[in-house]
C-alpha atoms as a PDB file:
ATOM      1  CA  MET A   1      43.346 -24.827   0.002  1.00  0.00           C
ATOM      2  CA  LEU A   2      42.504 -24.833  -3.592  1.00  0.00           C
ATOM      3  CA  SER A   3      40.555 -22.087  -3.366  1.00  0.00           C
ATOM      4  CA  ALA A   4      43.360 -19.961  -1.605  1.00  0.00           C
ATOM      5  CA  LEU A   5      45.789 -20.743  -4.461  1.00  0.00           C
ATOM      6  CA  VAL A   6      43.482 -19.862  -7.063  1.00  0.00           C
ATOM      7  CA  SER A   7      41.859 -16.454  -5.585  1.00  0.00           C
ATOM      8  CA  VAL A   8      44.917 -14.919  -3.823  1.00  0.00           C
ATOM      9  CA  PRO A   9      46.621 -14.342  -7.465  1.00  0.00           C
ATOM     10  CA  LEU A  10      43.572 -12.792  -8.955  1.00  0.00           C
ATOM     11  CA  TYR A  11      42.414 -10.336  -5.728  1.00  0.00           C
ATOM     12  CA  PHE A  12      46.648  -9.391  -6.175  1.00  0.00           C
ATOM     13  CA  GLY A  13      45.897  -8.465  -9.638  1.00  0.00           C
ATOM     14  CA  GLU A  14      42.447  -6.600  -9.332  1.00  0.00           C
ATOM     15  CA  GLU A  15      43.791  -4.454  -6.301  1.00  0.00           C
ATOM     16  CA  LEU A  16      47.026  -3.539  -8.330  1.00  0.00           C
ATOM     17  CA  GLY A  17      44.369  -2.962 -11.742  1.00  0.00           C
ATOM     18  CA  TRP A  18      41.997  -1.158  -9.597  1.00  0.00           C
ATOM     19  CA  GLN A  19      44.008   0.607  -7.392  1.00  0.00           C
ATOM     20  CA  GLY A  20      47.634   0.822  -9.058  1.00  0.00           C
ATOM     21  CA  TYR A  21      46.532   1.692 -12.505  1.00  0.00           C
ATOM     22  CA  MET A  22      43.323   2.905 -12.501  1.00  0.00           C
ATOM     23  CA  LEU A  23      42.672   4.953  -9.719  1.00  0.00           C
ATOM     24  CA  PRO A  24      45.497   7.297  -9.864  1.00  0.00           C
ATOM     25  CA  ARG A  25      44.627   8.077 -13.478  1.00  0.00           C
ATOM     26  CA  LEU A  26      40.772   8.789 -12.515  1.00  0.00           C
ATOM     27  CA  VAL A  27      41.966  11.204  -9.737  1.00  0.00           C
ATOM     28  CA  GLN A  28      43.615  13.620 -12.225  1.00  0.00           C
ATOM     29  CA  ARG A  29      40.202  13.933 -13.390  1.00  0.00           C
ATOM     30  CA  GLY A  30      39.376  15.758 -10.241  1.00  0.00           C
ATOM     31  CA  ARG A  31      39.709  13.421  -6.391  1.00  0.00           C
ATOM     32  CA  ILE A  32      35.524  12.972  -5.695  1.00  0.00           C
ATOM     33  CA  ARG A  33      34.870  11.976  -8.968  1.00  0.00           C
ATOM     34  CA  GLY A  34      37.652   9.495  -9.681  1.00  0.00           C
ATOM     35  CA  LEU A  35      36.230   8.237  -6.393  1.00  0.00           C
ATOM     36  CA  LEU A  36      33.041   7.552  -7.191  1.00  0.00           C
ATOM     37  CA  LEU A  37      33.872   6.746 -10.860  1.00  0.00           C
ATOM     38  CA  GLY A  38      36.509   4.464  -9.797  1.00  0.00           C
ATOM     39  CA  GLY A  39      33.612   2.611  -7.619  1.00  0.00           C
ATOM     40  CA  ALA A  40      30.821   2.737 -10.075  1.00  0.00           C
ATOM     41  CA  ILE A  41      33.678   0.631 -12.561  1.00  0.00           C
ATOM     42  CA  TRP A  42      34.041  -1.720  -9.718  1.00  0.00           C
ATOM     43  CA  GLY A  43      30.814  -2.118  -8.988  1.00  0.00           C
ATOM     44  CA  ALA A  44      30.181  -2.713 -12.623  1.00  0.00           C
ATOM     45  CA  TRP A  45      32.791  -5.340 -13.093  1.00  0.00           C
ATOM     46  CA  HIS A  46      31.332  -7.390 -10.717  1.00  0.00           C
ATOM     47  CA  VAL A  47      27.707  -7.325 -12.025  1.00  0.00           C
ATOM     48  CA  PRO A  48      28.306 -10.737 -14.017  1.00  0.00           C
ATOM     49  CA  MET A  49      28.888 -12.570 -10.521  1.00  0.00           C
ATOM     50  CA  THR A  50      25.844 -10.548  -8.376  1.00  0.00           C
ATOM     51  CA  ALA A  51      23.513 -11.871 -11.469  1.00  0.00           C
ATOM     52  CA  LEU A  52      24.843 -15.137 -11.684  1.00  0.00           C
ATOM     53  CA  GLY A  53      24.149 -15.258  -7.349  1.00  0.00           C
ATOM     54  CA  GLY A  54      27.281 -14.880  -6.404  1.00  0.00           C
ATOM     55  CA  SER A  55      26.900 -11.806  -4.324  1.00  0.00           C
ATOM     56  CA  TYR A  56      23.283 -11.404  -2.024  1.00  0.00           C
ATOM     57  CA  ARG A  57      22.085 -15.153  -2.959  1.00  0.00           C
ATOM     58  CA  GLY A  58      18.478 -15.208  -1.692  1.00  0.00           C
ATOM     59  CA  HIS A  59      17.741 -11.815  -3.207  1.00  0.00           C
ATOM     60  CA  THR A  60      16.181 -10.985  -7.063  1.00  0.00           C
ATOM     61  CA  VAL A  61      18.787 -10.131  -9.395  1.00  0.00           C
ATOM     62  CA  VAL A  62      17.249  -6.301  -9.173  1.00  0.00           C
ATOM     63  CA  LEU A  63      17.586  -5.916  -5.545  1.00  0.00           C
ATOM     64  CA  GLY A  64      21.429  -7.877  -6.128  1.00  0.00           C
ATOM     65  CA  ILE A  65      22.885  -5.348  -8.946  1.00  0.00           C
ATOM     66  CA  PRO A  66      22.210  -1.781  -7.847  1.00  0.00           C
ATOM     67  CA  ALA A  67      23.066  -3.502  -3.857  1.00  0.00           C
ATOM     68  CA  ALA A  68      26.672  -4.520  -5.600  1.00  0.00           C
ATOM     69  CA  VAL A  69      27.571  -1.735  -7.227  1.00  0.00           C
ATOM     70  CA  VAL A  70      26.492   1.209  -4.415  1.00  0.00           C
ATOM     71  CA  THR A  71      28.145  -1.086  -2.304  1.00  0.00           C
ATOM     72  CA  ALA A  72      31.199  -0.845  -4.464  1.00  0.00           C
ATOM     73  CA  MET A  73      31.055   2.329  -4.462  1.00  0.00           C
ATOM     74  CA  LEU A  74      31.277   3.076  -0.868  1.00  0.00           C
ATOM     75  CA  LEU A  75      33.993   0.372  -0.103  1.00  0.00           C
ATOM     76  CA  GLY A  76      35.735   1.805  -3.444  1.00  0.00           C
ATOM     77  CA  THR A  77      36.172   4.894  -1.862  1.00  0.00           C
ATOM     78  CA  VAL A  78      37.329   3.935   1.673  1.00  0.00           C
ATOM     79  CA  MET A  79      39.811   1.762   0.295  1.00  0.00           C
ATOM     80  CA  ALA A  80      40.956   4.158  -2.733  1.00  0.00           C
ATOM     81  CA  VAL A  81      41.463   7.024   0.074  1.00  0.00           C
ATOM     82  CA  VAL A  82      43.756   4.873   2.308  1.00  0.00           C
ATOM     83  CA  ARG A  83      45.376   3.569  -0.592  1.00  0.00           C
ATOM     84  CA  LEU A  84      45.343   7.562  -2.147  1.00  0.00           C
ATOM     85  CA  ALA A  85      46.618   8.687   2.395  1.00  0.00           C
ATOM     86  CA  THR A  86      49.732   5.851   2.077  1.00  0.00           C
ATOM     87  CA  GLY A  87      50.907   5.737  -1.357  1.00  0.00           C
ATOM     88  CA  SER A  88      50.462   1.858  -1.115  1.00  0.00           C
ATOM     89  CA  VAL A  89      48.264  -0.263  -3.061  1.00  0.00           C
END
């Protein structure tokens, strides 16, 4: 319960920052470029957590960090397309 109380506001703030603020500014430079760049930035943002073992437990950092960045680029692109299509964060 404590984790949810701390995490939910952080996730909400993160989505407002990525999807609400950053994404509209990135797609001004071209939709595909903006979507991929946004995913790469989102992936880079999570590199410290991955390096500390927060993602891909049991795998080396050399494998975990690229996997996290690629996953963020793919997932971030899907989320961004939905955000742009609906106009809602």
